[in-house]
Amino acid sequence: MPRYTMPVLGLEISFKTDADKERIDAAKDVLEERFGALSRGGTDVSREKLLTCLALSLADDYLEHSRKLETMEEKINALLEK
């Protein structure tokens, strides 16, 4: 499993993953874009609060997409059983 070291939101992080470089870069771009959108709000919010909001937003997206996938799988299974 390859090891990566890269700056993400101003923090140097190291990790191992099976994901390819393009996928890692795309994920980093999403994080930085969303963090930028949160920090452009004009209020003086701490970095920790912004990162927590970002984590909650991504977790919500994950849960919502998982729910939609489950619903679609149920519909497909129902169609296949007919």
C-alpha atoms as a PDB file:
ATOM      1  CA  MET A   1       0.000   0.000   0.000  1.00  0.00           C
ATOM      2  CA  PRO A   2       1.550   3.334  -1.042  1.00  0.00           C
ATOM      3  CA  ARG A   3       2.319   6.034   1.520  1.00  0.00           C
ATOM      4  CA  TYR A   4       1.572   9.679   0.776  1.00  0.00           C
ATOM      5  CA  THR A   5       2.744  12.850   2.481  1.00  0.00           C
ATOM      6  CA  MET A   6       1.047  16.070   1.426  1.00  0.00           C
ATOM      7  CA  PRO A   7      -0.193  19.406   2.723  1.00  0.00           C
ATOM      8  CA  VAL A   8      -3.950  19.497   3.271  1.00  0.00           C
ATOM      9  CA  LEU A   9      -5.501  22.735   4.530  1.00  0.00           C
ATOM     10  CA  GLY A  10      -2.093  23.904   5.706  1.00  0.00           C
ATOM     11  CA  LEU A  11      -1.337  20.715   7.640  1.00  0.00           C
ATOM     12  CA  GLU A  12       1.318  18.225   6.545  1.00  0.00           C
ATOM     13  CA  ILE A  13      -0.207  14.752   6.746  1.00  0.00           C
ATOM     14  CA  SER A  14       1.095  11.262   5.995  1.00  0.00           C
ATOM     15  CA  PHE A  15      -1.114   8.262   5.312  1.00  0.00           C
ATOM     16  CA  LYS A  16      -1.338   4.950   3.488  1.00  0.00           C
ATOM     17  CA  THR A  17      -4.137   4.107   1.080  1.00  0.00           C
ATOM     18  CA  ASP A  18      -5.008   1.940  -1.874  1.00  0.00           C
ATOM     19  CA  ALA A  19      -6.514   4.963  -3.639  1.00  0.00           C
ATOM     20  CA  ASP A  20      -4.660   6.266  -6.668  1.00  0.00           C
ATOM     21  CA  LYS A  21      -3.074   9.724  -6.846  1.00  0.00           C
ATOM     22  CA  GLU A  22      -5.891  11.235  -8.931  1.00  0.00           C
ATOM     23  CA  ARG A  23      -8.492  10.162  -6.370  1.00  0.00           C
ATOM     24  CA  ILE A  24      -6.451  11.562  -3.492  1.00  0.00           C
ATOM     25  CA  ASP A  25      -5.969  14.866  -5.319  1.00  0.00           C
ATOM     26  CA  ALA A  26      -9.701  15.057  -6.098  1.00  0.00           C
ATOM     27  CA  ALA A  27     -10.565  14.444  -2.432  1.00  0.00           C
ATOM     28  CA  LYS A  28      -8.061  17.103  -1.345  1.00  0.00           C
ATOM     29  CA  ASP A  29      -9.582  19.559  -3.835  1.00  0.00           C
ATOM     30  CA  VAL A  30     -13.089  18.909  -2.448  1.00  0.00           C
ATOM     31  CA  LEU A  31     -11.860  19.501   1.116  1.00  0.00           C
ATOM     32  CA  GLU A  32     -10.054  22.704   0.225  1.00  0.00           C
ATOM     33  CA  GLU A  33     -12.981  24.002  -1.825  1.00  0.00           C
ATOM     34  CA  ARG A  34     -15.500  23.361   0.961  1.00  0.00           C
ATOM     35  CA  PHE A  35     -13.175  24.746   3.615  1.00  0.00           C
ATOM     36  CA  GLY A  36     -12.716  27.882   1.506  1.00  0.00           C
ATOM     37  CA  ALA A  37     -16.478  28.276   1.137  1.00  0.00           C
ATOM     38  CA  LEU A  38     -16.961  27.947   4.907  1.00  0.00           C
ATOM     39  CA  SER A  39     -14.190  30.396   5.729  1.00  0.00           C
ATOM     40  CA  ARG A  40     -15.490  33.016   3.263  1.00  0.00           C
ATOM     41  CA  GLY A  41     -18.480  33.579   5.530  1.00  0.00           C
ATOM     42  CA  GLY A  42     -16.770  36.681   6.848  1.00  0.00           C
ATOM     43  CA  THR A  43     -17.074  35.753  10.503  1.00  0.00           C
ATOM     44  CA  ASP A  44     -14.115  35.194  12.760  1.00  0.00           C
ATOM     45  CA  VAL A  45     -14.531  31.453  13.356  1.00  0.00           C
ATOM     46  CA  SER A  46     -11.701  29.311  14.656  1.00  0.00           C
ATOM     47  CA  ARG A  47      -9.996  26.821  12.373  1.00  0.00           C
ATOM     48  CA  GLU A  48     -11.139  23.987  14.656  1.00  0.00           C
ATOM     49  CA  LYS A  49     -14.799  24.996  14.297  1.00  0.00           C
ATOM     50  CA  LEU A  50     -14.445  25.297  10.522  1.00  0.00           C
ATOM     51  CA  LEU A  51     -12.842  21.844  10.326  1.00  0.00           C
ATOM     52  CA  THR A  52     -15.594  20.407  12.520  1.00  0.00           C
ATOM     53  CA  CYS A  53     -18.266  21.936  10.272  1.00  0.00           C
ATOM     54  CA  LEU A  54     -16.449  20.527   7.260  1.00  0.00           C
ATOM     55  CA  ALA A  55     -16.323  17.052   8.829  1.00  0.00           C
ATOM     56  CA  LEU A  56     -20.043  17.222   9.684  1.00  0.00           C
ATOM     57  CA  SER A  57     -20.894  18.329   6.151  1.00  0.00           C
ATOM     58  CA  LEU A  58     -18.918  15.482   4.597  1.00  0.00           C
ATOM     59  CA  ALA A  59     -20.392  12.954   7.047  1.00  0.00           C
ATOM     60  CA  ASP A  60     -23.894  14.178   6.177  1.00  0.00           C
ATOM     61  CA  ASP A  61     -23.147  13.829   2.452  1.00  0.00           C
ATOM     62  CA  TYR A  62     -21.856  10.298   3.036  1.00  0.00           C
ATOM     63  CA  LEU A  63     -24.934   9.278   5.044  1.00  0.00           C
ATOM     64  CA  GLU A  64     -27.310  10.788   2.497  1.00  0.00           C
ATOM     65  CA  HIS A  65     -25.585   9.071  -0.427  1.00  0.00           C
ATOM     66  CA  SER A  66     -25.525   5.762   1.473  1.00  0.00           C
ATOM     67  CA  ARG A  67     -29.266   6.075   2.099  1.00  0.00           C
ATOM     68  CA  LYS A  68     -29.931   6.823  -1.579  1.00  0.00           C
ATOM     69  CA  LEU A  69     -27.777   3.867  -2.651  1.00  0.00           C
ATOM     70  CA  GLU A  70     -29.650   1.557  -0.283  1.00  0.00           C
ATOM     71  CA  THR A  71     -32.998   2.783  -1.649  1.00  0.00           C
ATOM     72  CA  MET A  72     -31.865   2.235  -5.243  1.00  0.00           C
ATOM     73  CA  GLU A  73     -30.571  -1.263  -4.416  1.00  0.00           C
ATOM     74  CA  GLU A  74     -33.941  -2.127  -2.847  1.00  0.00           C
ATOM     75  CA  LYS A  75     -35.757  -0.908  -5.966  1.00  0.00           C
ATOM     76  CA  ILE A  76     -33.447  -2.888  -8.244  1.00  0.00           C
ATOM     77  CA  ASN A  77     -33.891  -6.041  -6.152  1.00  0.00           C
ATOM     78  CA  ALA A  78     -37.674  -5.594  -6.237  1.00  0.00           C
ATOM     79  CA  LEU A  79     -37.574  -5.252 -10.035  1.00  0.00           C
ATOM     80  CA  LEU A  80     -35.367  -8.316 -10.381  1.00  0.00           C
ATOM     81  CA  GLU A  81     -37.728 -10.387  -8.263  1.00  0.00           C
ATOM     82  CA  LYS A  82     -40.675  -9.633 -10.583  1.00  0.00           C
END
